[in-house]
Protein backbone atom coordinates (compact mmCIF):
# COMPACT_ATOMS: atom_id res chain seq x y z
CA MET A 1 45.72 -103.97 -137.15
CA TYR A 2 42.33 -103.42 -138.75
CA THR A 3 41.28 -106.97 -139.65
CA LYS A 4 40.29 -110.08 -137.73
CA THR A 5 39.44 -113.46 -139.23
CA PHE A 6 36.14 -115.07 -138.25
CA GLN A 7 38.14 -117.50 -136.07
CA GLN A 8 39.44 -114.55 -134.01
CA ILE A 9 35.94 -113.22 -133.21
CA SER A 10 33.16 -114.33 -130.87
CA LYS A 11 29.80 -113.05 -129.66
CA GLY A 12 31.63 -110.90 -127.12
CA ASP A 13 33.24 -108.84 -129.90
CA VAL A 14 30.22 -106.86 -131.10
CA ASP A 15 32.00 -103.61 -130.21
CA ILE A 16 34.77 -104.30 -132.76
CA ALA A 17 33.04 -106.62 -135.26
CA GLY A 18 29.41 -105.44 -135.21
CA GLY A 19 26.49 -107.80 -134.80
CA LYS A 20 26.88 -109.63 -138.09
CA GLY A 21 30.65 -110.03 -137.72
CA ALA A 22 30.37 -111.31 -134.14
CA SER A 23 27.70 -113.82 -135.19
CA LEU A 24 29.84 -115.10 -138.07
CA GLY A 25 32.77 -115.51 -135.70
CA GLU A 26 30.61 -117.39 -133.22
CA MET A 27 29.27 -119.72 -135.96
CA THR A 28 32.75 -120.33 -137.37
CA ASN A 29 34.12 -121.19 -133.93
CA ALA A 30 31.18 -123.56 -133.36
CA GLU A 31 32.27 -125.30 -136.59
CA ILE A 32 29.08 -124.39 -138.44
CA PRO A 33 29.98 -124.37 -142.13
CA VAL A 34 29.99 -120.71 -143.19
CA PRO A 35 32.02 -119.30 -146.07
CA PRO A 36 35.40 -118.01 -144.86
CA GLY A 37 36.06 -114.35 -144.34
CA PHE A 38 37.27 -111.57 -142.13
CA VAL A 39 36.03 -108.41 -140.47
CA ILE A 40 37.39 -104.92 -140.91
CA THR A 41 36.95 -103.66 -137.37
CA THR A 42 35.19 -100.60 -136.02
CA ASN A 43 38.66 -99.19 -135.27
CA ALA A 44 39.14 -98.86 -139.02
CA TYR A 45 35.75 -97.15 -139.30
CA ARG A 46 36.64 -94.67 -136.54
CA ASP A 47 40.04 -93.92 -138.09
CA PHE A 48 38.55 -93.71 -141.58
CA SER A 49 35.80 -91.36 -140.35
CA ASN A 50 38.42 -89.13 -138.75
CA SER A 51 40.72 -89.31 -141.78
CA LYS A 52 43.36 -91.07 -139.68
CA ALA A 53 43.51 -94.39 -141.51
CA SER A 54 46.96 -95.90 -141.44
CA PRO A 55 48.91 -95.85 -144.72
CA SER A 56 49.10 -99.63 -144.41
CA PHE A 57 45.27 -99.93 -144.28
CA ASN A 58 44.89 -100.74 -148.00
CA GLU A 59 47.75 -103.23 -147.93
CA GLU A 60 46.35 -105.04 -144.89
CA ILE A 61 42.87 -105.32 -146.43
CA LEU A 62 44.15 -106.55 -149.79
CA ASN A 63 46.44 -109.11 -148.12
CA ALA A 64 43.49 -110.45 -146.10
CA PHE A 65 41.44 -110.65 -149.32
CA ASP A 66 44.23 -112.56 -151.09
CA LYS A 67 44.31 -115.14 -148.25
CA LEU A 68 40.68 -116.03 -149.07
CA GLN A 69 41.87 -117.32 -152.47
CA THR A 70 38.75 -116.23 -154.28
CA ASP A 71 37.85 -113.92 -157.14
CA ARG A 72 34.71 -112.45 -155.58
CA VAL A 73 33.48 -111.57 -152.10
CA ALA A 74 30.48 -110.11 -150.34
CA VAL A 75 31.19 -106.78 -148.65
CA ARG A 76 28.64 -106.34 -145.86
CA SER A 77 28.10 -103.65 -143.25
CA SER A 78 28.06 -104.87 -139.64
CA ALA A 79 26.84 -102.22 -137.21
CA VAL A 80 27.54 -102.30 -133.48
CA ALA A 81 23.86 -101.48 -132.82
CA GLU A 82 22.56 -104.11 -135.22
CA ASP A 83 20.51 -107.08 -134.07
CA SER A 84 20.02 -105.69 -130.59
CA SER A 85 16.95 -106.39 -128.48
CA SER A 86 15.30 -103.22 -129.83
CA ALA A 87 16.45 -102.98 -133.47
CA SER A 88 17.42 -105.33 -136.28
CA TRP A 89 19.00 -102.95 -138.82
CA ALA A 90 18.20 -105.45 -141.60
CA GLY A 91 18.47 -103.62 -144.91
CA GLN A 92 19.42 -100.27 -143.35
CA LEU A 93 23.11 -100.34 -144.27
CA GLU A 94 24.75 -101.29 -147.53
CA SER A 95 26.02 -104.64 -148.76
CA TYR A 96 27.74 -105.35 -152.05
CA LEU A 97 27.89 -108.76 -153.70
CA ASN A 98 30.30 -110.27 -156.20
CA VAL A 99 32.97 -107.66 -155.45
CA GLU A 100 36.34 -108.25 -157.10
CA ARG A 101 39.70 -107.22 -155.67
CA GLU A 102 39.93 -104.11 -157.85
CA ASN A 103 36.68 -102.70 -156.36
CA LEU A 104 37.12 -103.93 -152.80
CA LEU A 105 38.45 -100.77 -151.13
CA GLU A 106 35.83 -98.58 -152.79
CA ASN A 107 33.01 -100.85 -151.59
CA ILE A 108 34.40 -100.93 -148.05
CA LYS A 109 34.29 -97.13 -147.94
CA LEU A 110 30.70 -97.19 -149.23
CA CYS A 111 29.77 -99.58 -146.40
CA PHE A 112 31.37 -97.27 -143.84
CA ASP A 113 29.52 -94.29 -145.30
CA SER A 114 26.15 -96.07 -145.35
CA ILE A 115 25.61 -95.32 -141.65
CA LYS A 116 25.43 -91.65 -142.66
CA SER A 117 22.71 -92.19 -145.29
CA ASP A 118 19.28 -90.59 -144.91
CA ARG A 119 17.74 -94.05 -144.47
CA ALA A 120 20.15 -94.94 -141.65
CA LYS A 121 19.75 -91.53 -139.98
CA ALA A 122 15.96 -91.98 -139.94
CA TYR A 123 16.32 -95.47 -138.46
CA ILE A 124 18.78 -94.21 -135.85
CA LYS A 125 16.38 -91.46 -134.81
CA GLU A 126 13.34 -93.77 -134.79
CA ASN A 127 15.10 -96.35 -132.60
CA LYS A 128 16.87 -93.79 -130.39
CA THR A 129 20.23 -95.39 -131.06
CA LYS A 130 23.02 -94.09 -128.83
CA ASN A 131 25.92 -92.30 -130.53
CA SER A 132 28.31 -94.76 -128.88
CA ASP A 133 26.64 -97.54 -130.89
CA LEU A 134 27.10 -95.77 -134.23
CA ALA A 135 30.17 -97.61 -135.42
CA VAL A 136 30.38 -99.92 -138.40
CA ALA A 137 32.59 -102.90 -139.08
CA VAL A 138 32.67 -104.46 -142.54
CA VAL A 139 32.43 -108.19 -143.18
CA ILE A 140 34.36 -109.54 -146.16
CA GLN A 141 33.18 -113.04 -147.00
CA LYS A 142 33.87 -115.43 -149.85
CA MET A 143 30.94 -115.41 -152.30
CA VAL A 144 28.89 -118.54 -152.66
CA GLU A 145 26.77 -119.22 -155.72
CA SER A 146 23.56 -120.22 -154.02
CA GLU A 147 20.50 -121.67 -155.68
CA VAL A 148 18.37 -121.05 -152.60
CA SER A 149 19.03 -118.71 -149.68
CA GLY A 150 17.25 -117.75 -146.51
CA VAL A 151 17.08 -115.52 -143.50
CA MET A 152 16.29 -116.89 -140.04
CA PHE A 153 14.83 -114.84 -137.22
CA THR A 154 15.19 -116.26 -133.71
CA ALA A 155 12.09 -114.32 -132.70
CA ASN A 156 9.03 -113.72 -134.85
CA PRO A 157 9.67 -110.27 -136.40
CA VAL A 158 5.95 -109.63 -136.86
CA THR A 159 4.61 -110.61 -133.43
CA SER A 160 7.88 -110.39 -131.41
CA ALA A 161 7.11 -113.85 -130.00
CA ARG A 162 10.40 -115.22 -128.67
CA ASP A 163 9.14 -118.81 -128.69
CA GLU A 164 8.83 -118.77 -132.50
CA ILE A 165 11.53 -118.99 -135.14
CA MET A 166 10.80 -117.66 -138.61
CA ILE A 167 12.72 -118.68 -141.71
CA GLU A 168 12.18 -116.90 -145.01
CA SER A 169 13.70 -118.41 -148.13
CA GLY A 170 13.76 -117.93 -151.86
CA TYR A 171 15.68 -118.74 -155.00
CA GLY A 172 18.93 -116.86 -155.54
CA LEU A 173 20.87 -114.78 -153.07
CA GLY A 174 19.63 -113.95 -149.56
CA GLU A 175 20.18 -110.27 -150.33
CA TYR A 176 17.07 -110.39 -152.52
CA ILE A 177 15.04 -111.27 -149.43
CA VAL A 178 16.65 -108.62 -147.21
CA GLN A 179 16.09 -105.89 -149.80
CA GLY A 180 12.50 -106.94 -150.44
CA ILE A 181 13.19 -107.68 -154.10
CA ILE A 182 11.42 -111.04 -153.89
CA THR A 183 8.54 -112.34 -151.82
CA PRO A 184 10.05 -115.17 -149.79
CA ASP A 185 8.56 -118.54 -148.87
């Protein structure tokens, strides 16, 4: 089985759900209102990378998508090494927004492959990331039409002060902030 719902994941599941996936599971289980979704685990990434993906892989993913009862989802990379004490990975791997069922599998594969991009390789080298941490899960989450979005850092990303929280926000989708498309408030 390659998928786990957010309810089936907690902060202890970074090795199978990546940092983002584990955090979404933790928030869901704490009853924080986050859009529903599921994680395609690092086991799928490892099998996909080794060309061993189960023939039922596509069927499992599409069935999980159908259970969300939505037309569009966000497809977001969730690296095992992401959001560690030494690296954030924000913007290093790919995310795709407003993905419809017909393009879902293609976008999942692009997320898996994004850890092999030149940008990711440079980040891996710069941060001395261990090979054992180079696995990617993929978060599939129901799209929300947001007027305003934000990104919260639990430590100041500029000064590294752990007694400061920084929130950046802007109109539109949070992806615009992560990619540096807009200057946030």
